[in-house]
């Protein structure tokens, strides 16, 4: 099973934001730092999830286990509900993407276990500031 670690971060709320994605696939590791422009931290978390799902679909992964330190995202998937309606369109997009993967799991992990994705997200924030947007 593919393990996907995700994190979204913002320097300010809102502020320059980035997505960090760390994928472990049978000993192989892929790292992504994706600048997201200006947004809130929770939005960055959702965008990290969506970008990671898109990568998994492009690679035709059929079995993935996502790890996130975002309680907001984990809770939304557990309850299939978003309390803040502002995030509903992002959640709905993530659900639609996740449904295209044969086996999809998402699990909350403590921040200390998500350091790789966090570092990648922080690098992406700096890429925003340096003008290296996608």
C-alpha atoms as a PDB file:
ATOM      1  CA  UNK A   1       0.000   0.000   0.000  1.00  0.00           C
ATOM      2  CA  UNK A   2       1.201   3.495  -0.888  1.00  0.00           C
ATOM      3  CA  UNK A   3       1.668   5.838   2.087  1.00  0.00           C
ATOM      4  CA  UNK A   4       0.987   9.527   1.446  1.00  0.00           C
ATOM      5  CA  UNK A   5       1.870  12.155   4.041  1.00  0.00           C
ATOM      6  CA  UNK A   6       0.314  15.588   3.470  1.00  0.00           C
ATOM      7  CA  UNK A   7       0.542  18.993   5.073  1.00  0.00           C
ATOM      8  CA  UNK A   8      -0.613  22.483   4.240  1.00  0.00           C
ATOM      9  CA  UNK A   9       0.919  25.559   5.815  1.00  0.00           C
ATOM     10  CA  UNK A  10       0.504  29.327   5.724  1.00  0.00           C
ATOM     11  CA  UNK A  11       2.783  32.133   6.814  1.00  0.00           C
ATOM     12  CA  UNK A  12       0.011  34.254   8.246  1.00  0.00           C
ATOM     13  CA  UNK A  13      -3.666  33.443   8.224  1.00  0.00           C
ATOM     14  CA  UNK A  14      -4.232  34.259   5.414  1.00  0.00           C
ATOM     15  CA  UNK A  15      -0.755  34.454   3.956  1.00  0.00           C
ATOM     16  CA  UNK A  16       1.620  32.814   1.497  1.00  0.00           C
ATOM     17  CA  UNK A  17       0.781  29.111   1.590  1.00  0.00           C
ATOM     18  CA  UNK A  18       2.161  25.809   0.454  1.00  0.00           C
ATOM     19  CA  UNK A  19       1.399  22.118   0.205  1.00  0.00           C
ATOM     20  CA  UNK A  20       3.827  19.421   1.211  1.00  0.00           C
ATOM     21  CA  UNK A  21       3.371  15.881  -0.080  1.00  0.00           C
ATOM     22  CA  UNK A  22       5.613  12.960   0.845  1.00  0.00           C
ATOM     23  CA  UNK A  23       4.859   9.623  -0.866  1.00  0.00           C
ATOM     24  CA  UNK A  24       6.353   6.259   0.124  1.00  0.00           C
ATOM     25  CA  UNK A  25       5.935   3.528  -2.493  1.00  0.00           C
ATOM     26  CA  UNK A  26       7.759   0.230  -1.906  1.00  0.00           C
ATOM     27  CA  UNK A  27      10.966   1.877  -0.734  1.00  0.00           C
ATOM     28  CA  UNK A  28      10.764   4.699  -3.278  1.00  0.00           C
ATOM     29  CA  UNK A  29      10.124   8.224  -2.009  1.00  0.00           C
ATOM     30  CA  UNK A  30       8.667  11.205  -3.856  1.00  0.00           C
ATOM     31  CA  UNK A  31       8.568  14.720  -2.429  1.00  0.00           C
ATOM     32  CA  UNK A  32       6.478  17.659  -3.594  1.00  0.00           C
ATOM     33  CA  UNK A  33       6.533  21.311  -2.492  1.00  0.00           C
ATOM     34  CA  UNK A  34       3.668  23.132  -4.162  1.00  0.00           C
ATOM     35  CA  UNK A  35       3.223  26.902  -3.705  1.00  0.00           C
ATOM     36  CA  UNK A  36      -0.459  27.775  -3.295  1.00  0.00           C
ATOM     37  CA  UNK A  37      -0.492  31.572  -3.234  1.00  0.00           C
ATOM     38  CA  UNK A  38      -2.343  33.490  -0.522  1.00  0.00           C
ATOM     39  CA  UNK A  39      -4.878  31.542   1.552  1.00  0.00           C
ATOM     40  CA  UNK A  40      -5.759  30.421   5.070  1.00  0.00           C
ATOM     41  CA  UNK A  41      -4.063  27.485   6.756  1.00  0.00           C
ATOM     42  CA  UNK A  42      -7.128  25.211   6.613  1.00  0.00           C
ATOM     43  CA  UNK A  43      -7.534  25.943   2.903  1.00  0.00           C
ATOM     44  CA  UNK A  44      -3.874  24.992   2.389  1.00  0.00           C
ATOM     45  CA  UNK A  45      -4.515  21.688   4.195  1.00  0.00           C
ATOM     46  CA  UNK A  46      -7.372  20.882   1.815  1.00  0.00           C
ATOM     47  CA  UNK A  47      -5.339  21.892  -1.226  1.00  0.00           C
ATOM     48  CA  UNK A  48      -2.494  19.610  -0.088  1.00  0.00           C
ATOM     49  CA  UNK A  49      -4.979  16.733   0.118  1.00  0.00           C
ATOM     50  CA  UNK A  50      -6.455  17.505  -3.315  1.00  0.00           C
ATOM     51  CA  UNK A  51      -3.028  17.829  -4.985  1.00  0.00           C
ATOM     52  CA  UNK A  52      -1.899  14.550  -3.418  1.00  0.00           C
ATOM     53  CA  UNK A  53      -5.057  12.778  -4.593  1.00  0.00           C
ATOM     54  CA  UNK A  54      -4.511  14.123  -8.118  1.00  0.00           C
ATOM     55  CA  UNK A  55      -0.927  12.805  -8.083  1.00  0.00           C
ATOM     56  CA  UNK A  56      -2.133   9.376  -6.912  1.00  0.00           C
ATOM     57  CA  UNK A  57      -4.743   9.265  -9.672  1.00  0.00           C
ATOM     58  CA  UNK A  58      -2.199  10.335 -12.323  1.00  0.00           C
ATOM     59  CA  UNK A  59       0.045   7.485 -11.192  1.00  0.00           C
ATOM     60  CA  UNK A  60      -2.915   5.106 -11.155  1.00  0.00           C
ATOM     61  CA  UNK A  61      -2.367   4.038  -7.552  1.00  0.00           C
ATOM     62  CA  UNK A  62      -5.160   1.685  -6.526  1.00  0.00           C
ATOM     63  CA  UNK A  63      -4.470   1.457  -2.796  1.00  0.00           C
ATOM     64  CA  UNK A  64      -3.372   4.473  -0.745  1.00  0.00           C
ATOM     65  CA  UNK A  65      -3.192   5.346   2.917  1.00  0.00           C
ATOM     66  CA  UNK A  66      -3.066   9.072   3.608  1.00  0.00           C
ATOM     67  CA  UNK A  67      -1.593  10.512   6.806  1.00  0.00           C
ATOM     68  CA  UNK A  68      -2.376  14.030   8.004  1.00  0.00           C
ATOM     69  CA  UNK A  69      -1.803  16.006  11.174  1.00  0.00           C
ATOM     70  CA  UNK A  70      -4.896  18.078  10.342  1.00  0.00           C
ATOM     71  CA  UNK A  71      -7.675  17.141  12.730  1.00  0.00           C
ATOM     72  CA  UNK A  72     -10.039  19.254  10.617  1.00  0.00           C
ATOM     73  CA  UNK A  73      -9.501  17.122   7.508  1.00  0.00           C
ATOM     74  CA  UNK A  74      -9.484  13.826   9.364  1.00  0.00           C
ATOM     75  CA  UNK A  75     -12.716  14.700  11.196  1.00  0.00           C
ATOM     76  CA  UNK A  76     -14.394  15.785   7.934  1.00  0.00           C
ATOM     77  CA  UNK A  77     -13.653  12.386   6.384  1.00  0.00           C
ATOM     78  CA  UNK A  78     -14.678  10.459   9.508  1.00  0.00           C
ATOM     79  CA  UNK A  79     -18.029  12.247   9.726  1.00  0.00           C
ATOM     80  CA  UNK A  80     -18.473  12.971   6.010  1.00  0.00           C
ATOM     81  CA  UNK A  81     -19.358  16.490   7.084  1.00  0.00           C
ATOM     82  CA  UNK A  82     -17.740  19.931   7.066  1.00  0.00           C
ATOM     83  CA  UNK A  83     -18.765  22.277   9.867  1.00  0.00           C
ATOM     84  CA  UNK A  84     -17.448  25.428   8.177  1.00  0.00           C
ATOM     85  CA  UNK A  85     -19.345  25.762   4.881  1.00  0.00           C
ATOM     86  CA  UNK A  86     -16.422  27.741   3.450  1.00  0.00           C
ATOM     87  CA  UNK A  87     -14.478  24.484   3.121  1.00  0.00           C
ATOM     88  CA  UNK A  88     -17.376  22.420   1.747  1.00  0.00           C
ATOM     89  CA  UNK A  89     -16.404  22.789  -1.954  1.00  0.00           C
ATOM     90  CA  UNK A  90     -12.817  21.716  -1.180  1.00  0.00           C
ATOM     91  CA  UNK A  91     -14.036  18.759   0.873  1.00  0.00           C
ATOM     92  CA  UNK A  92     -16.463  17.708  -1.858  1.00  0.00           C
ATOM     93  CA  UNK A  93     -13.685  17.826  -4.458  1.00  0.00           C
ATOM     94  CA  UNK A  94     -11.416  15.725  -2.222  1.00  0.00           C
ATOM     95  CA  UNK A  95     -14.172  13.157  -1.660  1.00  0.00           C
ATOM     96  CA  UNK A  96     -14.859  12.866  -5.405  1.00  0.00           C
ATOM     97  CA  UNK A  97     -11.158  12.322  -6.082  1.00  0.00           C
ATOM     98  CA  UNK A  98     -10.780   9.801  -3.248  1.00  0.00           C
ATOM     99  CA  UNK A  99     -13.731   7.802  -4.584  1.00  0.00           C
ATOM    100  CA  UNK A 100     -11.773   7.210  -7.800  1.00  0.00           C
ATOM    101  CA  UNK A 101      -9.127   5.254  -5.889  1.00  0.00           C
ATOM    102  CA  UNK A 102      -9.868   1.582  -5.196  1.00  0.00           C
ATOM    103  CA  UNK A 103      -8.813   1.602  -1.540  1.00  0.00           C
ATOM    104  CA  UNK A 104      -8.467   4.982   0.135  1.00  0.00           C
ATOM    105  CA  UNK A 105      -7.750   5.488   3.814  1.00  0.00           C
ATOM    106  CA  UNK A 106      -6.992   8.633   5.755  1.00  0.00           C
ATOM    107  CA  UNK A 107      -5.574   8.669   9.251  1.00  0.00           C
ATOM    108  CA  UNK A 108      -4.659  11.410  11.713  1.00  0.00           C
ATOM    109  CA  UNK A 109      -1.080  11.360  12.975  1.00  0.00           C
ATOM    110  CA  UNK A 110       0.734  13.646  15.423  1.00  0.00           C
ATOM    111  CA  UNK A 111       2.733  16.499  13.882  1.00  0.00           C
ATOM    112  CA  UNK A 112       6.006  14.885  14.923  1.00  0.00           C
ATOM    113  CA  UNK A 113       5.231  11.948  12.586  1.00  0.00           C
ATOM    114  CA  UNK A 114       4.469  14.334   9.715  1.00  0.00           C
ATOM    115  CA  UNK A 115       7.740  16.283   9.698  1.00  0.00           C
ATOM    116  CA  UNK A 116       8.669  15.435   6.112  1.00  0.00           C
ATOM    117  CA  UNK A 117       5.413  16.807   4.688  1.00  0.00           C
ATOM    118  CA  UNK A 118       5.626  19.832   7.003  1.00  0.00           C
ATOM    119  CA  UNK A 119       9.140  20.691   5.785  1.00  0.00           C
ATOM    120  CA  UNK A 120       7.976  20.383   2.170  1.00  0.00           C
ATOM    121  CA  UNK A 121       4.997  22.681   2.859  1.00  0.00           C
ATOM    122  CA  UNK A 122       7.272  25.277   4.464  1.00  0.00           C
ATOM    123  CA  UNK A 123       9.609  25.102   1.470  1.00  0.00           C
ATOM    124  CA  UNK A 124       6.585  25.756  -0.765  1.00  0.00           C
ATOM    125  CA  UNK A 125       5.746  28.875   1.277  1.00  0.00           C
ATOM    126  CA  UNK A 126       9.248  30.198   0.590  1.00  0.00           C
ATOM    127  CA  UNK A 127       8.790  29.391  -3.110  1.00  0.00           C
ATOM    128  CA  UNK A 128       5.719  31.699  -3.071  1.00  0.00           C
ATOM    129  CA  UNK A 129       7.737  34.480  -1.518  1.00  0.00           C
ATOM    130  CA  UNK A 130      10.568  33.989  -4.008  1.00  0.00           C
ATOM    131  CA  UNK A 131       8.141  34.210  -6.938  1.00  0.00           C
ATOM    132  CA  UNK A 132       8.393  30.565  -7.979  1.00  0.00           C
ATOM    133  CA  UNK A 133       4.665  29.910  -8.298  1.00  0.00           C
ATOM    134  CA  UNK A 134       3.438  27.059 -10.462  1.00  0.00           C
END
